[in-house]
Amino acid sequence: MSQPRHALSPQGFAAAFPFHVVLDTELRIVQAGDALRKSCPDLVPGSSWSEHFDIVKPTLDHCSFDALCQHLGVVFLMHHRESGLRLRGQLMREADPPRIFFLGGPWVTSLNQLQLFRLGIRDYPLHDASADFLFMLRSRDMAMEDAKK
């Protein structure tokens, strides 16, 4: 199979996945998306991923690069210890250099949570269905306020 002719630039990748985290083989943070760092400013390159996050799902016996690689394509739920932000997404692996990419987004169920985490609907990429859900929540809240008036 031939290589793809077009690849995302680093800026394009960051725009498409604003809540991503990239980890090296020692599970140190290589980079984190701009929107994610708004809620979790402690995610700095070189820091240990495990000092910031707990894995809620799937259940792992131990957390290592190889253990995470055995769960590629599985839904991950993670909890950021400092902010309380919950993330839902999946892992992908890059071979050269060996890295793991977490691609996902915040799991919020109300606009109040969004505000609590210093996020807005515009922090979500257009292709993320969560943005549609958040617009529906905002419309519902506006309709409720209008009905009260």
Protein backbone atom coordinates (compact mmCIF):
# COMPACT_ATOMS: atom_id res chain seq x y z
CA MET A 1 0.00 0.00 0.00
CA SER A 2 1.32 3.44 -0.82
CA GLN A 3 1.73 6.24 1.68
CA PRO A 4 -1.10 8.78 1.82
CA ARG A 5 -0.41 11.82 -0.32
CA HIS A 6 -1.73 14.25 2.28
CA ALA A 7 -1.19 14.29 6.01
CA LEU A 8 -2.33 16.72 8.64
CA SER A 9 0.18 19.35 9.61
CA PRO A 10 0.80 19.73 13.36
CA GLN A 11 -1.56 22.73 13.32
CA GLY A 12 -4.19 20.77 11.40
CA PHE A 13 -3.92 17.86 13.81
CA ALA A 14 -4.28 20.18 16.82
CA ALA A 15 -7.37 21.81 15.26
CA ALA A 16 -8.98 18.46 14.44
CA PHE A 17 -8.22 16.97 17.89
CA PRO A 18 -8.11 19.87 20.40
CA PHE A 19 -8.39 17.49 23.37
CA HIS A 20 -5.58 15.10 22.37
CA VAL A 21 -2.67 13.88 24.47
CA VAL A 22 0.48 12.31 23.03
CA LEU A 23 2.57 10.01 25.24
CA ASP A 24 6.04 8.55 24.80
CA THR A 25 7.05 5.00 25.75
CA GLU A 26 7.61 6.10 29.38
CA LEU A 27 4.06 7.55 29.41
CA ARG A 28 5.38 11.09 29.64
CA ILE A 29 3.33 13.80 27.99
CA VAL A 30 4.83 14.87 24.67
CA GLN A 31 2.01 17.29 23.82
CA ALA A 32 -1.57 18.10 24.74
CA GLY A 33 -4.24 19.93 22.78
CA ASP A 34 -4.92 23.61 23.39
CA ALA A 35 -8.53 23.08 24.48
CA LEU A 36 -7.51 20.34 26.92
CA ARG A 37 -4.83 22.55 28.45
CA LYS A 38 -7.48 25.22 29.12
CA SER A 39 -9.09 22.84 31.61
CA CYS A 40 -5.92 21.06 32.66
CA PRO A 41 -3.07 23.60 32.64
CA ASP A 42 -0.83 21.16 34.53
CA LEU A 43 -0.43 19.01 31.39
CA VAL A 44 3.06 20.09 30.46
CA PRO A 45 5.46 18.23 28.19
CA GLY A 46 7.71 15.85 30.11
CA SER A 47 5.33 15.32 33.02
CA SER A 48 4.13 11.81 33.80
CA TRP A 49 0.68 11.04 32.44
CA SER A 50 -0.13 8.89 35.49
CA GLU A 51 0.34 11.80 37.89
CA HIS A 52 -2.52 13.62 36.15
CA PHE A 53 -5.03 10.95 35.12
CA ASP A 54 -6.79 7.86 36.42
CA ILE A 55 -8.17 5.33 33.96
CA VAL A 56 -11.79 4.59 34.80
CA LYS A 57 -12.34 2.21 31.88
CA PRO A 58 -10.99 -0.24 30.78
CA THR A 59 -9.67 -1.95 33.87
CA LEU A 60 -5.93 -2.51 33.57
CA ASP A 61 -3.74 -4.67 35.81
CA HIS A 62 -0.93 -2.16 35.40
CA CYS A 63 -0.38 0.93 33.32
CA SER A 64 2.49 0.75 30.86
CA PHE A 65 3.03 1.58 27.21
CA ASP A 66 2.59 -2.08 26.24
CA ALA A 67 -0.52 -2.50 28.40
CA LEU A 68 -2.12 0.55 26.81
CA CYS A 69 -1.18 -0.70 23.33
CA GLN A 70 -3.14 -3.89 24.02
CA HIS A 71 -6.29 -1.73 24.27
CA LEU A 72 -6.08 0.23 21.04
CA GLY A 73 -9.53 0.94 19.62
CA VAL A 74 -11.21 0.41 23.01
CA VAL A 75 -13.24 3.20 24.59
CA PHE A 76 -11.26 4.83 27.38
CA LEU A 77 -12.74 6.89 30.17
CA MET A 78 -10.23 8.95 32.08
CA HIS A 79 -10.46 11.29 35.04
CA HIS A 80 -8.18 14.29 35.48
CA ARG A 81 -7.33 14.37 39.18
CA GLU A 82 -6.87 18.11 39.63
CA SER A 83 -9.82 19.51 37.65
CA GLY A 84 -12.23 16.57 37.80
CA LEU A 85 -12.62 16.65 34.02
CA ARG A 86 -13.70 13.33 32.51
CA LEU A 87 -12.44 12.39 29.07
CA ARG A 88 -13.83 9.79 26.70
CA GLY A 89 -11.91 8.58 23.68
CA GLN A 90 -9.59 5.99 22.22
CA LEU A 91 -5.89 5.33 21.82
CA MET A 92 -3.89 5.10 18.63
CA ARG A 93 -0.27 4.06 18.29
CA GLU A 94 2.44 5.49 16.09
CA ALA A 95 5.41 3.23 15.39
CA ASP A 96 8.22 5.65 14.56
CA PRO A 97 8.84 7.16 16.99
CA PRO A 98 6.79 4.91 19.27
CA ARG A 99 4.02 7.04 20.78
CA ILE A 100 0.45 6.71 21.94
CA PHE A 101 -2.17 9.25 20.97
CA PHE A 102 -5.30 9.73 23.08
CA LEU A 103 -8.01 11.16 20.83
CA GLY A 104 -11.23 12.11 22.48
CA GLY A 105 -12.97 14.86 24.33
CA PRO A 106 -14.58 15.94 27.57
CA TRP A 107 -17.59 14.04 28.78
CA VAL A 108 -19.95 16.77 29.95
CA THR A 109 -23.69 16.57 30.47
CA SER A 110 -24.52 20.19 31.22
CA LEU A 111 -23.42 23.65 30.23
CA ASN A 112 -22.55 24.32 33.87
CA GLN A 113 -19.91 21.59 33.65
CA LEU A 114 -18.57 23.19 30.50
CA GLN A 115 -18.18 26.50 32.32
CA LEU A 116 -16.65 24.78 35.34
CA PHE A 117 -13.90 23.40 33.10
CA ARG A 118 -13.34 26.79 31.39
CA LEU A 119 -14.53 25.44 28.05
CA GLY A 120 -16.97 26.63 25.43
CA ILE A 121 -18.80 24.99 22.58
CA ARG A 122 -16.27 26.52 20.18
CA ASP A 123 -13.48 24.48 21.81
CA TYR A 124 -14.98 21.38 20.18
CA PRO A 125 -14.10 20.63 16.55
CA LEU A 126 -16.95 20.80 14.04
CA HIS A 127 -16.78 17.05 13.35
CA ASP A 128 -17.42 16.22 17.03
CA ALA A 129 -21.05 15.30 17.70
CA SER A 130 -20.64 16.60 21.25
CA ALA A 131 -20.85 20.13 19.88
CA ASP A 132 -24.33 19.36 18.52
CA PHE A 133 -25.35 17.97 21.91
CA LEU A 134 -24.07 21.10 23.65
CA PHE A 135 -25.99 23.35 21.21
CA MET A 136 -29.14 21.38 22.06
CA LEU A 137 -28.48 21.86 25.78
CA ARG A 138 -28.00 25.59 25.24
CA SER A 139 -31.22 25.80 23.20
CA ARG A 140 -33.11 23.91 25.89
CA ASP A 141 -31.78 26.21 28.61
CA MET A 142 -32.69 29.29 26.60
CA ALA A 143 -36.21 27.95 25.99
CA MET A 144 -36.63 27.25 29.71
CA GLU A 145 -35.53 30.80 30.56
CA ASP A 146 -37.96 32.22 27.98
CA ALA A 147 -40.77 30.10 29.39
CA LYS A 148 -40.06 31.36 32.92
CA LYS A 149 -40.24 34.97 31.72
